[in-house]
Amino acid sequence: MRFVSILLALGLLVANPAFAFQDDTQQYYQSTDGSMVHRPTKHPSNHYGSETAVCRDGSHSYSHHHRGTCSHHGGVEEWED
């Protein structure tokens, strides 16, 4: 199982070299368009890209698409313009 995880991580590095410089790979996920997106955060930050929504639990989302945004955070409270 660990070998599979290593292979998947190497695949991410090849697919998106910028991903290699991220500090915590658990804080990112691969969007449906193939880009890496930071998971929702407790406090807003421009460091992770443009904030797109505020989740019902107060988290701030940086999702690139509406579908699935805030799905583990109670859904979308408010979309950002």
N, C-alpha and C. Protein backbone atom coordinates (compact mmCIF):
# COMPACT_ATOMS: atom_id res chain seq x y z
N MET A 1 0.83 -1.19 0.00
CA MET A 1 0.00 0.00 0.00
C MET A 1 0.87 1.26 0.00
N ARG A 2 1.94 1.24 0.78
CA ARG A 2 2.84 2.39 0.83
C ARG A 2 3.47 2.64 -0.53
N PHE A 3 3.79 1.55 -1.24
CA PHE A 3 4.39 1.67 -2.57
C PHE A 3 3.43 2.39 -3.52
N VAL A 4 2.14 2.07 -3.43
CA VAL A 4 1.14 2.71 -4.28
C VAL A 4 1.07 4.20 -3.96
N SER A 5 1.12 4.56 -2.69
CA SER A 5 1.09 5.97 -2.29
C SER A 5 2.29 6.72 -2.86
N ILE A 6 3.44 6.09 -2.83
CA ILE A 6 4.66 6.71 -3.36
C ILE A 6 4.52 6.93 -4.87
N LEU A 7 3.99 5.94 -5.57
CA LEU A 7 3.79 6.07 -7.01
C LEU A 7 2.81 7.19 -7.34
N LEU A 8 1.73 7.29 -6.57
CA LEU A 8 0.76 8.37 -6.79
C LEU A 8 1.39 9.73 -6.55
N ALA A 9 2.20 9.85 -5.51
CA ALA A 9 2.87 11.12 -5.21
C ALA A 9 3.83 11.49 -6.34
N LEU A 10 4.57 10.52 -6.85
CA LEU A 10 5.48 10.79 -7.97
C LEU A 10 4.70 11.21 -9.21
N GLY A 11 3.54 10.61 -9.42
CA GLY A 11 2.69 10.99 -10.55
C GLY A 11 2.25 12.44 -10.44
N LEU A 12 1.92 12.89 -9.23
CA LEU A 12 1.53 14.29 -9.03
C LEU A 12 2.70 15.23 -9.32
N LEU A 13 3.90 14.83 -8.95
CA LEU A 13 5.07 15.66 -9.19
C LEU A 13 5.35 15.81 -10.68
N VAL A 14 5.16 14.74 -11.42
CA VAL A 14 5.39 14.79 -12.85
C VAL A 14 4.28 15.61 -13.53
N ALA A 15 3.04 15.43 -13.10
CA ALA A 15 1.91 16.12 -13.71
C ALA A 15 1.91 17.62 -13.40
N ASN A 16 2.41 17.99 -12.22
CA ASN A 16 2.37 19.39 -11.80
C ASN A 16 3.63 19.69 -10.99
N PRO A 17 4.73 20.08 -11.63
CA PRO A 17 5.99 20.31 -10.92
C PRO A 17 5.89 21.32 -9.79
N ALA A 18 5.00 22.30 -9.88
CA ALA A 18 4.86 23.29 -8.80
C ALA A 18 4.41 22.62 -7.53
N PHE A 19 3.71 21.50 -7.66
CA PHE A 19 3.22 20.76 -6.50
C PHE A 19 4.38 20.26 -5.63
N ALA A 20 5.52 20.03 -6.24
CA ALA A 20 6.68 19.51 -5.51
C ALA A 20 7.16 20.47 -4.43
N PHE A 21 6.85 21.74 -4.56
CA PHE A 21 7.34 22.73 -3.61
C PHE A 21 6.34 23.05 -2.51
N GLN A 22 5.20 22.37 -2.49
CA GLN A 22 4.22 22.60 -1.44
C GLN A 22 4.69 21.94 -0.15
N ASP A 23 4.46 22.61 0.98
CA ASP A 23 4.90 22.10 2.27
C ASP A 23 4.12 20.89 2.74
N ASP A 24 2.80 20.90 2.60
CA ASP A 24 1.97 19.85 3.14
C ASP A 24 1.03 19.32 2.07
N THR A 25 1.37 18.19 1.47
CA THR A 25 0.59 17.66 0.37
C THR A 25 -0.81 17.26 0.78
N GLN A 26 -1.07 17.05 2.06
CA GLN A 26 -2.40 16.69 2.51
C GLN A 26 -3.36 17.88 2.44
N GLN A 27 -2.86 19.07 2.27
CA GLN A 27 -3.70 20.27 2.24
C GLN A 27 -4.18 20.61 0.83
N TYR A 28 -3.83 19.82 -0.16
CA TYR A 28 -4.20 20.08 -1.54
C TYR A 28 -4.92 18.88 -2.14
N TYR A 29 -5.75 19.15 -3.13
CA TYR A 29 -6.38 18.07 -3.88
C TYR A 29 -6.35 18.44 -5.36
N GLN A 30 -6.51 17.43 -6.20
CA GLN A 30 -6.49 17.67 -7.64
C GLN A 30 -7.91 17.96 -8.11
N SER A 31 -8.10 19.12 -8.71
CA SER A 31 -9.40 19.55 -9.23
C SER A 31 -9.75 18.74 -10.47
N THR A 32 -11.00 18.82 -10.88
CA THR A 32 -11.43 18.10 -12.08
C THR A 32 -10.74 18.60 -13.34
N ASP A 33 -10.20 19.83 -13.29
CA ASP A 33 -9.47 20.35 -14.45
C ASP A 33 -7.98 19.99 -14.40
N GLY A 34 -7.59 19.23 -13.37
CA GLY A 34 -6.21 18.76 -13.26
C GLY A 34 -5.30 19.64 -12.43
N SER A 35 -5.77 20.81 -12.02
CA SER A 35 -4.94 21.71 -11.23
C SER A 35 -5.00 21.34 -9.75
N MET A 36 -4.00 21.77 -8.99
CA MET A 36 -3.98 21.52 -7.56
C MET A 36 -4.65 22.68 -6.84
N VAL A 37 -5.54 22.36 -5.90
CA VAL A 37 -6.33 23.36 -5.18
C VAL A 37 -6.14 23.14 -3.69
N HIS A 38 -5.95 24.22 -2.95
CA HIS A 38 -5.83 24.11 -1.50
C HIS A 38 -7.19 23.80 -0.90
N ARG A 39 -7.20 22.92 0.07
CA ARG A 39 -8.44 22.58 0.76
C ARG A 39 -8.96 23.80 1.52
N PRO A 40 -10.26 23.83 1.87
CA PRO A 40 -10.78 24.97 2.63
C PRO A 40 -9.98 25.21 3.90
N THR A 41 -9.86 26.50 4.24
CA THR A 41 -9.10 26.90 5.43
C THR A 41 -10.01 27.61 6.42
N LYS A 42 -9.58 27.64 7.66
CA LYS A 42 -10.37 28.31 8.70
C LYS A 42 -10.36 29.83 8.51
N HIS A 43 -9.26 30.37 8.04
CA HIS A 43 -9.12 31.81 7.83
C HIS A 43 -8.79 32.06 6.36
N PRO A 44 -9.32 33.13 5.77
CA PRO A 44 -9.03 33.42 4.36
C PRO A 44 -7.56 33.78 4.15
N SER A 45 -7.04 33.41 2.98
CA SER A 45 -5.65 33.72 2.66
C SER A 45 -5.49 33.83 1.15
N ASN A 46 -4.92 34.91 0.67
CA ASN A 46 -4.65 35.05 -0.76
C ASN A 46 -3.51 34.15 -1.21
N HIS A 47 -2.78 33.58 -0.27
CA HIS A 47 -1.65 32.71 -0.57
C HIS A 47 -2.08 31.46 -1.35
N TYR A 48 -3.33 31.03 -1.19
CA TYR A 48 -3.80 29.79 -1.81
C TYR A 48 -4.60 30.02 -3.08
N GLY A 49 -4.67 31.24 -3.55
CA GLY A 49 -5.46 31.57 -4.73
C GLY A 49 -6.66 32.39 -4.32
N SER A 50 -7.53 32.64 -5.24
CA SER A 50 -8.71 33.44 -4.96
C SER A 50 -9.73 32.64 -4.17
N GLU A 51 -10.26 33.25 -3.14
CA GLU A 51 -11.32 32.61 -2.36
C GLU A 51 -12.58 32.60 -3.22
N THR A 52 -13.25 31.46 -3.33
CA THR A 52 -14.43 31.36 -4.19
C THR A 52 -15.73 31.22 -3.40
N ALA A 53 -15.64 30.77 -2.16
CA ALA A 53 -16.86 30.56 -1.38
C ALA A 53 -16.53 30.52 0.11
N VAL A 54 -17.57 30.79 0.90
CA VAL A 54 -17.49 30.59 2.34
C VAL A 54 -18.41 29.41 2.64
N CYS A 55 -17.89 28.41 3.33
CA CYS A 55 -18.66 27.22 3.66
C CYS A 55 -19.54 27.46 4.89
N ARG A 56 -20.55 26.62 5.07
CA ARG A 56 -21.46 26.77 6.21
C ARG A 56 -20.78 26.60 7.56
N ASP A 57 -19.65 25.90 7.60
CA ASP A 57 -18.93 25.76 8.87
C ASP A 57 -17.94 26.91 9.09
N GLY A 58 -17.96 27.92 8.19
CA GLY A 58 -17.07 29.07 8.33
C GLY A 58 -15.75 28.94 7.58
N SER A 59 -15.49 27.79 6.97
CA SER A 59 -14.26 27.59 6.19
C SER A 59 -14.30 28.42 4.92
N HIS A 60 -13.13 28.71 4.38
CA HIS A 60 -13.00 29.50 3.15
C HIS A 60 -12.48 28.58 2.05
N SER A 61 -13.21 28.52 0.94
CA SER A 61 -12.89 27.59 -0.15
C SER A 61 -12.18 28.31 -1.29
N TYR A 62 -11.30 27.57 -1.98
CA TYR A 62 -10.55 28.07 -3.12
C TYR A 62 -10.85 27.22 -4.36
N SER A 63 -11.99 26.54 -4.33
CA SER A 63 -12.40 25.62 -5.39
C SER A 63 -12.48 26.33 -6.74
N HIS A 64 -12.18 25.59 -7.80
CA HIS A 64 -12.24 26.15 -9.15
C HIS A 64 -13.60 25.92 -9.80
N HIS A 65 -14.43 25.07 -9.22
CA HIS A 65 -15.73 24.72 -9.79
C HIS A 65 -16.78 24.68 -8.68
N HIS A 66 -18.03 24.94 -9.03
CA HIS A 66 -19.10 24.93 -8.04
C HIS A 66 -19.40 23.52 -7.53
N ARG A 67 -19.35 22.54 -8.40
CA ARG A 67 -19.71 21.17 -8.02
C ARG A 67 -18.75 20.63 -6.95
N GLY A 68 -19.31 20.24 -5.83
CA GLY A 68 -18.52 19.65 -4.75
C GLY A 68 -17.89 20.64 -3.80
N THR A 69 -18.02 21.93 -4.09
CA THR A 69 -17.42 22.95 -3.22
C THR A 69 -18.03 22.86 -1.82
N CYS A 70 -17.20 22.83 -0.82
CA CYS A 70 -17.60 22.78 0.60
C CYS A 70 -18.36 21.50 0.95
N SER A 71 -18.19 20.45 0.16
CA SER A 71 -18.96 19.22 0.37
C SER A 71 -18.70 18.57 1.73
N HIS A 72 -17.53 18.77 2.29
CA HIS A 72 -17.23 18.21 3.61
C HIS A 72 -17.28 19.28 4.69
N HIS A 73 -17.88 20.41 4.35
CA HIS A 73 -17.93 21.55 5.28
C HIS A 73 -19.35 22.12 5.39
N GLY A 74 -20.34 21.27 5.13
CA GLY A 74 -21.73 21.68 5.30
C GLY A 74 -22.35 22.38 4.11
N GLY A 75 -21.66 22.43 2.98
CA GLY A 75 -22.17 23.11 1.81
C GLY A 75 -21.74 24.57 1.76
N VAL A 76 -22.17 25.25 0.73
CA VAL A 76 -21.78 26.65 0.52
C VAL A 76 -22.74 27.58 1.25
N GLU A 77 -22.18 28.46 2.05
CA GLU A 77 -22.95 29.51 2.71
C GLU A 77 -23.10 30.71 1.78
N GLU A 78 -21.98 31.08 1.13
CA GLU A 78 -21.98 32.27 0.29
C GLU A 78 -20.91 32.14 -0.78
N TRP A 79 -21.26 32.44 -2.04
CA TRP A 79 -20.31 32.48 -3.14
C TRP A 79 -19.66 33.84 -3.18
N GLU A 80 -18.36 33.89 -3.42
CA GLU A 80 -17.64 35.15 -3.56
C GLU A 80 -17.74 35.61 -5.01
N ASP A 81 -17.73 36.90 -5.24
CA ASP A 81 -17.81 37.44 -6.60
C ASP A 81 -16.45 37.58 -7.20
